[in-house]
């Protein structure tokens, strides 16, 4: 493409995203600073159609951008996001950060992002294996039961109920011994230690050690399911650019845990990404775009944020909000 054709393509995509209707050569002339004849614009539009950036739904209609045209548009405006700031989104996140509970922070973030972008937001919760144990607390529930609460470095808590089978009384001593053993260790490290533990001879037996192992195995040996915070399906349902088959396809891939893990995992590397239409590689999602970013604690990636919307949307706005909020979320967790 020459520079004039690039300007024409940019104008076509921007106009179509804004108004949702095919764009004619007359509209390009009226809404841009391109000072050429209508015939020249039409010739360039035919050239852009031949190159696969736009298409004409029927004779005498204007042009509509293809996935390739949308990709060009996003790549050309991507740098605009670096200067973006939104005070209302920032206020929402700061208010959530006051609360210690990580799930609350992620829910507020998902809700704020969904409202300002009109997309379906999926945020991956931090994986337990990466969390550092700060404290373990034990408290009686009834004669044969006590509760165990694990507090981590992110404020995430894990709560378990342990059945003893007898009247257990020395809670404070057990709590002290457990804190000495696991405080400052990652949950993944503790789980690995429990899996690899082998008591080879009877003379290793010690009642206090057995007691500690019994509690730790009850708390940590359950398999962790990857969890997500999701918000904003109503924006997808009300979109004028999607039909019911599109919505059913999205629900199929976001409500099934395995399919969602596969979808997020396929694109959640270390880099931010925008995947448009057929680039997703899933026929049911060909009319969607997905925006991917990660949130971190210092350099360690804690989870992925995905914004899913119709592929005809305001790319610069959605990408800018996502980058801004993922950066603020990373700041919140890095200060903990």
Protein backbone atom coordinates (compact mmCIF):
# COMPACT_ATOMS: atom_id res chain seq x y z
CA UNK A 1 0.00 0.00 0.00
CA UNK A 2 1.12 3.55 -0.65
CA UNK A 3 0.59 6.31 1.92
CA UNK A 4 -2.73 7.42 0.37
CA UNK A 5 -4.13 3.90 0.45
CA UNK A 6 -3.07 3.55 4.08
CA UNK A 7 -4.99 6.72 4.94
CA UNK A 8 -8.05 5.47 3.04
CA UNK A 9 -7.98 2.10 4.80
CA UNK A 10 -7.59 3.75 8.19
CA UNK A 11 -10.57 6.01 7.44
CA UNK A 12 -12.76 3.10 6.25
CA UNK A 13 -12.09 1.02 9.37
CA UNK A 14 -12.57 3.96 11.74
CA UNK A 15 -15.85 4.94 10.08
CA UNK A 16 -17.17 1.39 10.07
CA UNK A 17 -16.29 0.86 13.74
CA UNK A 18 -17.96 4.15 14.64
CA UNK A 19 -21.17 3.83 12.61
CA UNK A 20 -21.49 0.11 11.80
CA UNK A 21 -22.35 0.68 8.14
CA UNK A 22 -20.42 0.05 4.88
CA UNK A 23 -18.26 3.03 3.95
CA UNK A 24 -18.42 4.69 0.53
CA UNK A 25 -15.76 6.69 -1.34
CA UNK A 26 -17.84 9.83 -0.76
CA UNK A 27 -17.70 9.28 3.02
CA UNK A 28 -13.93 8.83 2.85
CA UNK A 29 -13.61 12.20 1.09
CA UNK A 30 -15.99 13.95 3.49
CA UNK A 31 -14.47 12.60 6.70
CA UNK A 32 -10.76 12.72 5.98
CA UNK A 33 -8.15 15.18 4.78
CA UNK A 34 -7.43 13.18 1.61
CA UNK A 35 -7.55 15.67 -1.26
CA UNK A 36 -7.98 13.41 -4.30
CA UNK A 37 -10.86 12.76 -6.65
CA UNK A 38 -13.64 10.32 -5.94
CA UNK A 39 -12.43 8.18 -8.88
CA UNK A 40 -8.96 7.92 -7.33
CA UNK A 41 -10.47 6.90 -4.00
CA UNK A 42 -12.59 4.21 -5.70
CA UNK A 43 -9.53 2.83 -7.51
CA UNK A 44 -7.65 2.67 -4.23
CA UNK A 45 -10.58 0.94 -2.55
CA UNK A 46 -10.56 -1.71 -5.32
CA UNK A 47 -6.84 -2.14 -4.69
CA UNK A 48 -7.44 -2.55 -0.93
CA UNK A 49 -10.18 -5.08 -1.69
CA UNK A 50 -7.78 -7.04 -3.92
CA UNK A 51 -5.21 -7.06 -1.10
CA UNK A 52 -7.81 -8.47 1.31
CA UNK A 53 -8.18 -5.49 3.68
CA UNK A 54 -11.81 -4.67 2.83
CA UNK A 55 -14.73 -6.25 0.99
CA UNK A 56 -17.97 -5.16 -0.66
CA UNK A 57 -21.02 -7.02 0.72
CA UNK A 58 -22.95 -6.42 -2.54
CA UNK A 59 -22.77 -4.34 -5.70
CA UNK A 60 -23.10 -0.58 -5.20
CA UNK A 61 -22.57 -0.92 -1.43
CA UNK A 62 -19.71 0.65 0.46
CA UNK A 63 -16.80 -1.34 1.90
CA UNK A 64 -16.44 -3.26 5.16
CA UNK A 65 -13.09 -4.11 6.78
CA UNK A 66 -11.96 -7.74 6.91
CA UNK A 67 -10.04 -9.26 9.83
CA UNK A 68 -6.87 -8.25 7.99
CA UNK A 69 -8.13 -4.66 7.79
CA UNK A 70 -9.02 -4.64 11.49
CA UNK A 71 -5.54 -5.99 12.30
CA UNK A 72 -3.96 -3.15 10.29
CA UNK A 73 -6.10 -0.61 12.11
CA UNK A 74 -5.24 -1.91 15.57
CA UNK A 75 -1.52 -2.10 14.80
CA UNK A 76 -1.60 1.50 13.59
CA UNK A 77 -3.34 2.89 16.70
CA UNK A 78 -1.69 0.69 19.32
CA UNK A 79 0.78 3.39 20.35
CA UNK A 80 -2.10 5.73 21.28
CA UNK A 81 -2.83 3.63 24.38
CA UNK A 82 0.44 4.54 26.09
CA UNK A 83 -0.79 8.05 26.89
CA UNK A 84 -4.21 7.01 28.15
CA UNK A 85 -5.48 7.56 31.67
CA UNK A 86 -8.95 7.28 33.13
CA UNK A 87 -9.70 8.69 36.55
CA UNK A 88 -12.98 6.85 37.21
CA UNK A 89 -11.40 3.45 36.54
CA UNK A 90 -8.47 4.41 38.74
CA UNK A 91 -10.78 5.42 41.60
CA UNK A 92 -12.67 2.10 41.40
CA UNK A 93 -9.45 0.14 41.60
CA UNK A 94 -8.04 2.19 44.49
CA UNK A 95 -11.25 1.65 46.45
CA UNK A 96 -11.03 -2.10 45.88
CA UNK A 97 -7.36 -2.22 46.85
CA UNK A 98 -8.21 -0.98 50.35
CA UNK A 99 -9.96 -4.30 50.92
CA UNK A 100 -7.52 -7.13 51.65
CA UNK A 101 -9.45 -9.80 49.75
CA UNK A 102 -7.91 -10.44 46.32
CA UNK A 103 -11.14 -11.82 44.86
CA UNK A 104 -12.91 -8.56 45.74
CA UNK A 105 -10.21 -6.55 43.95
CA UNK A 106 -10.49 -8.73 40.85
CA UNK A 107 -14.31 -8.52 40.85
CA UNK A 108 -14.22 -4.71 41.02
CA UNK A 109 -11.61 -4.64 38.24
CA UNK A 110 -13.69 -6.95 36.02
CA UNK A 111 -16.83 -4.90 36.59
CA UNK A 112 -15.10 -1.57 35.90
CA UNK A 113 -13.40 -2.88 32.75
CA UNK A 114 -16.59 -4.42 31.43
CA UNK A 115 -18.61 -1.25 31.95
CA UNK A 116 -16.15 1.10 30.24
CA UNK A 117 -15.38 -1.22 27.30
CA UNK A 118 -18.76 -3.01 26.86
CA UNK A 119 -16.91 -6.32 26.65
CA UNK A 120 -17.04 -9.64 28.48
CA UNK A 121 -14.19 -9.66 31.00
CA UNK A 122 -12.50 -12.84 32.22
CA UNK A 123 -9.78 -12.51 34.89
CA UNK A 124 -7.73 -15.49 35.97
CA UNK A 125 -7.27 -15.72 39.73
CA UNK A 126 -3.71 -16.12 41.09
CA UNK A 127 -2.72 -19.77 41.21
CA UNK A 128 -2.40 -21.08 44.74
CA UNK A 129 0.98 -22.69 44.05
CA UNK A 130 2.57 -19.27 43.62
CA UNK A 131 1.27 -17.83 46.90
CA UNK A 132 3.51 -17.44 49.93
CA UNK A 133 2.19 -18.54 53.34
CA UNK A 134 2.25 -15.67 55.84
CA UNK A 135 0.35 -17.28 58.71
CA UNK A 136 -1.70 -20.32 59.66
CA UNK A 137 -4.47 -19.98 62.27
CA UNK A 138 -6.32 -22.79 64.04
CA UNK A 139 -9.58 -22.34 65.93
CA UNK A 140 -12.03 -24.80 67.52
CA UNK A 141 -15.40 -25.34 65.89
CA UNK A 142 -16.86 -28.17 67.97
CA UNK A 143 -15.64 -31.06 70.08
CA UNK A 144 -14.29 -33.10 67.14
CA UNK A 145 -13.65 -30.35 64.55
CA UNK A 146 -11.37 -27.36 64.19
CA UNK A 147 -10.94 -24.78 61.47
CA UNK A 148 -7.67 -24.00 59.67
CA UNK A 149 -7.12 -20.68 57.91
CA UNK A 150 -4.07 -20.03 55.70
CA UNK A 151 -3.25 -16.37 55.03
CA UNK A 152 -0.97 -15.67 52.05
CA UNK A 153 1.14 -12.74 50.91
CA UNK A 154 -1.63 -11.47 48.61
CA UNK A 155 -4.25 -11.62 51.33
CA UNK A 156 -5.79 -14.72 49.77
CA UNK A 157 -7.13 -17.06 52.45
CA UNK A 158 -7.69 -20.80 52.33
CA UNK A 159 -10.20 -22.20 54.81
CA UNK A 160 -10.53 -25.87 55.74
CA UNK A 161 -12.38 -27.86 58.40
CA UNK A 162 -10.46 -30.76 59.95
CA UNK A 163 -12.11 -33.71 61.72
CA UNK A 164 -10.02 -35.09 64.59
CA UNK A 165 -12.28 -37.82 65.91
CA UNK A 166 -11.53 -36.89 69.51
CA UNK A 167 -11.65 -33.90 71.82
CA UNK A 168 -8.70 -31.84 70.58
CA UNK A 169 -7.48 -29.13 73.00
CA UNK A 170 -3.89 -27.98 72.30
CA UNK A 171 -4.69 -25.62 69.40
CA UNK A 172 -2.12 -22.95 70.25
CA UNK A 173 0.77 -25.41 70.41
CA UNK A 174 -0.19 -27.00 67.06
CA UNK A 175 -0.61 -23.57 65.48
CA UNK A 176 2.87 -22.50 66.68
CA UNK A 177 4.52 -25.65 65.33
CA UNK A 178 2.77 -25.36 61.96
CA UNK A 179 3.77 -21.70 61.57
CA UNK A 180 7.38 -22.58 62.31
CA UNK A 181 7.24 -25.28 59.63
CA UNK A 182 5.53 -23.54 56.70
CA UNK A 183 5.60 -19.76 57.23
CA UNK A 184 7.45 -18.12 54.32
CA UNK A 185 7.10 -21.12 51.99
CA UNK A 186 5.13 -21.20 48.74
CA UNK A 187 2.04 -23.38 48.66
CA UNK A 188 3.44 -25.24 45.66
CA UNK A 189 6.59 -26.00 47.65
CA UNK A 190 4.52 -27.31 50.58
CA UNK A 191 2.40 -29.52 48.31
CA UNK A 192 5.48 -30.96 46.66
CA UNK A 193 6.99 -31.71 50.07
CA UNK A 194 3.85 -33.57 51.11
CA UNK A 195 3.81 -35.59 47.87
CA UNK A 196 7.48 -36.52 48.14
CA UNK A 197 7.42 -37.33 51.86
CA UNK A 198 8.34 -40.88 52.77
CA UNK A 199 8.64 -42.08 56.38
CA UNK A 200 10.82 -45.15 55.84
CA UNK A 201 11.12 -46.64 59.33
CA UNK A 202 8.93 -46.97 62.40
CA UNK A 203 11.45 -45.12 64.55
CA UNK A 204 10.68 -41.92 62.62
CA UNK A 205 7.22 -41.90 64.19
CA UNK A 206 6.49 -38.89 66.34
CA UNK A 207 3.02 -37.96 67.51
CA UNK A 208 3.57 -34.22 67.04
CA UNK A 209 4.94 -34.69 63.51
CA UNK A 210 2.03 -36.98 62.61
CA UNK A 211 -0.38 -34.35 63.91
CA UNK A 212 1.19 -31.66 61.74
CA UNK A 213 1.21 -33.88 58.64
CA UNK A 214 -2.44 -34.77 59.21
CA UNK A 215 -3.44 -31.09 59.23
CA UNK A 216 -1.27 -30.13 56.24
CA UNK A 217 -2.53 -33.02 54.14
CA UNK A 218 -6.15 -32.10 54.91
CA UNK A 219 -5.52 -28.47 53.92
CA UNK A 220 -3.21 -28.81 50.92
CA UNK A 221 -3.82 -32.15 49.24
CA UNK A 222 -7.02 -31.18 47.43
CA UNK A 223 -6.51 -30.45 43.75
CA UNK A 224 -6.76 -26.79 42.86
CA UNK A 225 -9.14 -25.84 40.09
CA UNK A 226 -8.10 -22.87 38.03
CA UNK A 227 -10.58 -20.10 38.86
CA UNK A 228 -11.81 -17.09 36.91
CA UNK A 229 -13.74 -13.93 37.66
CA UNK A 230 -16.21 -13.23 34.83
CA UNK A 231 -18.39 -10.20 34.20
CA UNK A 232 -20.29 -8.48 31.40
CA UNK A 233 -22.08 -11.13 29.36
CA UNK A 234 -25.02 -8.73 29.07
CA UNK A 235 -22.91 -6.44 26.86
CA UNK A 236 -22.32 -9.32 24.45
CA UNK A 237 -26.00 -10.27 24.39
CA UNK A 238 -27.03 -6.69 23.60
CA UNK A 239 -24.40 -6.17 20.87
CA UNK A 240 -25.80 -5.37 17.45
CA UNK A 241 -22.78 -6.94 15.75
CA UNK A 242 -23.39 -10.48 17.00
CA UNK A 243 -26.17 -13.03 16.50
CA UNK A 244 -27.36 -15.81 18.79
CA UNK A 245 -25.01 -18.36 17.24
CA UNK A 246 -22.08 -16.12 18.16
CA UNK A 247 -23.34 -15.76 21.73
CA UNK A 248 -23.89 -19.51 22.09
CA UNK A 249 -20.35 -20.10 20.83
CA UNK A 250 -18.91 -17.69 23.38
CA UNK A 251 -20.86 -19.27 26.24
CA UNK A 252 -19.67 -22.69 25.11
CA UNK A 253 -16.04 -21.62 25.39
CA UNK A 254 -16.27 -19.57 28.58
CA UNK A 255 -18.59 -21.68 30.74
CA UNK A 256 -16.76 -24.95 30.13
CA UNK A 257 -13.74 -24.88 32.48
CA UNK A 258 -11.51 -26.96 30.20
CA UNK A 259 -12.36 -24.97 27.07
CA UNK A 260 -11.79 -21.69 28.91
CA UNK A 261 -8.44 -22.91 30.22
CA UNK A 262 -7.49 -23.87 26.67
CA UNK A 263 -8.66 -20.55 25.21
CA UNK A 264 -6.88 -18.37 27.78
CA UNK A 265 -3.80 -20.60 27.87
CA UNK A 266 -3.37 -20.49 24.11
CA UNK A 267 -2.71 -16.76 24.10
CA UNK A 268 -1.56 -15.91 27.65
CA UNK A 269 2.20 -15.69 27.18
CA UNK A 270 4.30 -12.87 28.56
CA UNK A 271 3.27 -10.36 25.88
CA UNK A 272 0.05 -8.40 25.57
CA UNK A 273 -1.97 -9.54 22.58
CA UNK A 274 -5.02 -8.66 20.53
CA UNK A 275 -6.48 -11.56 18.55
CA UNK A 276 -9.00 -10.65 15.87
CA UNK A 277 -11.70 -12.87 14.38
CA UNK A 278 -10.27 -15.87 12.56
CA UNK A 279 -6.93 -15.37 14.29
CA UNK A 280 -8.54 -17.08 17.30
CA UNK A 281 -8.62 -20.29 15.28
CA UNK A 282 -12.10 -21.21 16.57
CA UNK A 283 -14.99 -21.07 14.11
CA UNK A 284 -17.59 -20.35 16.84
CA UNK A 285 -15.60 -17.25 17.88
CA UNK A 286 -14.78 -15.90 14.40
CA UNK A 287 -16.85 -12.75 15.01
CA UNK A 288 -15.07 -11.86 18.26
CA UNK A 289 -11.83 -10.18 19.20
CA UNK A 290 -9.94 -10.98 22.39
CA UNK A 291 -7.62 -8.59 24.21
CA UNK A 292 -5.07 -10.26 26.50
CA UNK A 293 -2.86 -8.79 29.22
CA UNK A 294 -1.34 -10.04 32.46
CA UNK A 295 -1.12 -8.68 35.98
CA UNK A 296 1.96 -9.22 38.10
CA UNK A 297 3.59 -9.01 41.46
CA UNK A 298 6.88 -7.40 40.57
CA UNK A 299 8.16 -9.53 37.65
CA UNK A 300 6.08 -12.63 38.38
CA UNK A 301 2.91 -13.02 36.37
CA UNK A 302 -0.02 -13.83 38.69
CA UNK A 303 -2.81 -14.19 36.15
CA UNK A 304 -4.31 -13.19 32.82
CA UNK A 305 -6.95 -10.58 31.98
CA UNK A 306 -9.01 -11.26 28.83
CA UNK A 307 -11.51 -8.85 27.28
CA UNK A 308 -13.80 -10.46 24.70
CA UNK A 309 -16.03 -8.42 22.44
CA UNK A 310 -17.40 -8.25 18.89
CA UNK A 311 -14.59 -7.74 16.41
CA UNK A 312 -16.17 -4.45 15.36
CA UNK A 313 -15.38 -2.25 18.36
CA UNK A 314 -13.25 0.73 19.36
CA UNK A 315 -9.88 -0.97 19.49
CA UNK A 316 -7.91 1.99 20.77
CA UNK A 317 -10.33 2.54 23.67
CA UNK A 318 -10.55 -1.13 24.71
CA UNK A 319 -6.80 -1.71 24.46
CA UNK A 320 -6.05 1.48 26.36
CA UNK A 321 -8.38 0.59 29.25
CA UNK A 322 -6.95 -2.92 29.44
CA UNK A 323 -3.34 -1.70 29.57
CA UNK A 324 -4.15 0.96 32.13
CA UNK A 325 -6.05 -1.38 34.45
CA UNK A 326 -3.54 -4.25 34.19
CA UNK A 327 -0.74 -1.84 35.12
CA UNK A 328 -2.70 -0.49 38.10
CA UNK A 329 -3.55 -4.01 39.24
CA UNK A 330 0.12 -4.96 39.09
CA UNK A 331 0.98 -1.91 41.19
CA UNK A 332 -1.60 -2.93 43.81
CA UNK A 333 -0.21 -6.45 44.16
CA UNK A 334 3.44 -5.38 44.05
CA UNK A 335 2.88 -3.12 47.08
CA UNK A 336 1.57 -5.99 49.22
